[in-house]
């Protein structure tokens, strides 16, 4: 747990306070997976084996970063400050921004993004 940042639940509280509808996920990876499942936890009909290559790369990259923060197998992919200039970090931050936009809308997204990991693509 050496590189695992402590979670103060700021992201959850900010998203919950400004959400457009019911908040069932506070991360884009969880929201993506939840969108593919029924209430019973089964894969929704028509989604079997269907996830776009782009979503799969975003999902794998997001989890790679989270795992590296936990186990430090690849410290070059842990991005502790979330401001490192690396394509993997840009991808993860853009993934978060897309999720925030879908969750709260554009106007509130502009307000929340600086609080929720402000780095987007290359400068």
Protein backbone atom coordinates (compact mmCIF):
# COMPACT_ATOMS: atom_id res chain seq x y z
CA UNK A 1 0.00 0.00 0.00
CA UNK A 2 3.04 2.20 -0.27
CA UNK A 3 1.80 4.36 -3.15
CA UNK A 4 -1.95 4.10 -2.57
CA UNK A 5 -3.29 7.59 -1.97
CA UNK A 6 -5.82 7.95 0.81
CA UNK A 7 -9.36 8.58 -0.35
CA UNK A 8 -11.20 11.37 1.45
CA UNK A 9 -14.37 10.79 -0.63
CA UNK A 10 -14.26 14.34 -2.06
CA UNK A 11 -14.96 12.99 -5.56
CA UNK A 12 -18.02 11.11 -4.34
CA UNK A 13 -19.43 14.05 -2.41
CA UNK A 14 -18.84 16.48 -5.31
CA UNK A 15 -20.39 14.15 -7.89
CA UNK A 16 -23.30 13.29 -5.61
CA UNK A 17 -24.03 16.97 -4.90
CA UNK A 18 -24.13 17.89 -8.62
CA UNK A 19 -25.43 14.74 -10.33
CA UNK A 20 -28.11 14.83 -13.04
CA UNK A 21 -29.73 11.59 -11.88
CA UNK A 22 -29.19 8.70 -9.46
CA UNK A 23 -25.48 8.16 -8.77
CA UNK A 24 -24.63 4.46 -8.82
CA UNK A 25 -20.92 4.72 -9.68
CA UNK A 26 -18.22 7.22 -8.83
CA UNK A 27 -15.61 6.02 -11.32
CA UNK A 28 -15.86 5.66 -15.09
CA UNK A 29 -14.73 2.04 -14.99
CA UNK A 30 -17.46 1.08 -12.54
CA UNK A 31 -20.08 2.98 -14.56
CA UNK A 32 -19.03 1.21 -17.77
CA UNK A 33 -19.24 -2.23 -16.18
CA UNK A 34 -22.54 -1.43 -14.45
CA UNK A 35 -24.04 -0.32 -17.78
CA UNK A 36 -23.47 -3.83 -19.13
CA UNK A 37 -25.19 -5.66 -16.23
CA UNK A 38 -28.78 -6.43 -15.28
CA UNK A 39 -30.08 -5.88 -11.74
CA UNK A 40 -29.38 -9.59 -11.16
CA UNK A 41 -25.69 -9.14 -12.09
CA UNK A 42 -25.94 -10.94 -15.41
CA UNK A 43 -24.61 -9.50 -18.66
CA UNK A 44 -27.45 -7.66 -20.41
CA UNK A 45 -28.81 -9.39 -23.50
CA UNK A 46 -27.05 -8.05 -26.57
CA UNK A 47 -23.92 -7.04 -24.64
CA UNK A 48 -22.29 -10.49 -24.55
CA UNK A 49 -18.76 -9.96 -25.79
CA UNK A 50 -19.49 -6.38 -26.85
CA UNK A 51 -17.25 -3.64 -25.55
CA UNK A 52 -15.57 -1.21 -27.89
CA UNK A 53 -11.81 -1.38 -28.33
CA UNK A 54 -11.62 2.24 -27.12
CA UNK A 55 -13.56 1.49 -23.94
CA UNK A 56 -11.47 -1.61 -23.33
CA UNK A 57 -8.21 0.36 -23.61
CA UNK A 58 -9.56 3.06 -21.26
CA UNK A 59 -10.70 0.43 -18.78
CA UNK A 60 -7.42 -1.49 -18.83
CA UNK A 61 -5.36 1.70 -18.56
CA UNK A 62 -7.46 2.96 -15.64
CA UNK A 63 -7.05 -0.33 -13.75
CA UNK A 64 -3.34 -0.55 -14.59
CA UNK A 65 -2.80 2.82 -12.94
CA UNK A 66 -4.90 1.89 -9.91
CA UNK A 67 -3.08 -1.41 -9.45
CA UNK A 68 0.32 0.23 -9.80
CA UNK A 69 -0.62 2.70 -7.09
CA UNK A 70 -1.44 -0.28 -4.92
CA UNK A 71 1.36 -2.74 -5.63
CA UNK A 72 4.01 -0.56 -7.34
CA UNK A 73 4.85 -3.25 -9.89
CA UNK A 74 5.41 -0.44 -12.40
CA UNK A 75 6.04 2.79 -10.51
CA UNK A 76 6.36 4.63 -13.83
CA UNK A 77 2.63 4.03 -14.28
CA UNK A 78 1.39 5.10 -10.84
CA UNK A 79 1.14 8.86 -11.58
CA UNK A 80 0.98 10.02 -7.99
CA UNK A 81 0.47 13.69 -8.77
CA UNK A 82 -1.95 13.15 -11.68
CA UNK A 83 -0.12 15.91 -13.55
CA UNK A 84 2.59 13.78 -15.16
CA UNK A 85 2.90 14.23 -18.92
CA UNK A 86 2.38 10.69 -20.16
CA UNK A 87 -0.19 9.31 -22.64
CA UNK A 88 -1.48 6.82 -20.04
CA UNK A 89 -2.10 9.62 -17.58
CA UNK A 90 -3.81 11.78 -20.22
CA UNK A 91 -6.01 8.84 -21.17
CA UNK A 92 -7.06 8.17 -17.56
CA UNK A 93 -7.77 11.83 -16.87
CA UNK A 94 -9.78 12.21 -20.07
CA UNK A 95 -11.73 9.08 -19.09
CA UNK A 96 -12.56 10.71 -15.76
CA UNK A 97 -13.57 13.97 -17.46
CA UNK A 98 -15.91 12.14 -19.86
CA UNK A 99 -17.53 10.36 -16.91
CA UNK A 100 -17.94 13.62 -14.96
CA UNK A 101 -19.56 15.26 -18.01
CA UNK A 102 -22.02 12.36 -18.34
CA UNK A 103 -22.75 12.47 -14.61
CA UNK A 104 -23.19 16.21 -13.98
CA UNK A 105 -23.36 17.93 -17.39
CA UNK A 106 -21.05 20.44 -19.06
CA UNK A 107 -21.66 23.50 -16.88
CA UNK A 108 -21.01 21.68 -13.62
CA UNK A 109 -18.20 19.65 -15.21
CA UNK A 110 -16.23 22.85 -15.75
CA UNK A 111 -16.65 23.62 -12.06
CA UNK A 112 -15.75 20.11 -10.85
CA UNK A 113 -12.88 19.13 -13.15
CA UNK A 114 -10.22 21.21 -11.34
CA UNK A 115 -11.25 19.42 -8.14
CA UNK A 116 -11.34 16.01 -9.82
CA UNK A 117 -7.96 15.60 -11.40
CA UNK A 118 -7.55 18.61 -13.68
CA UNK A 119 -5.13 17.30 -16.32
CA UNK A 120 -6.42 16.55 -19.80
CA UNK A 121 -4.54 15.79 -23.01
CA UNK A 122 -1.12 17.09 -23.99
CA UNK A 123 -0.57 20.82 -23.45
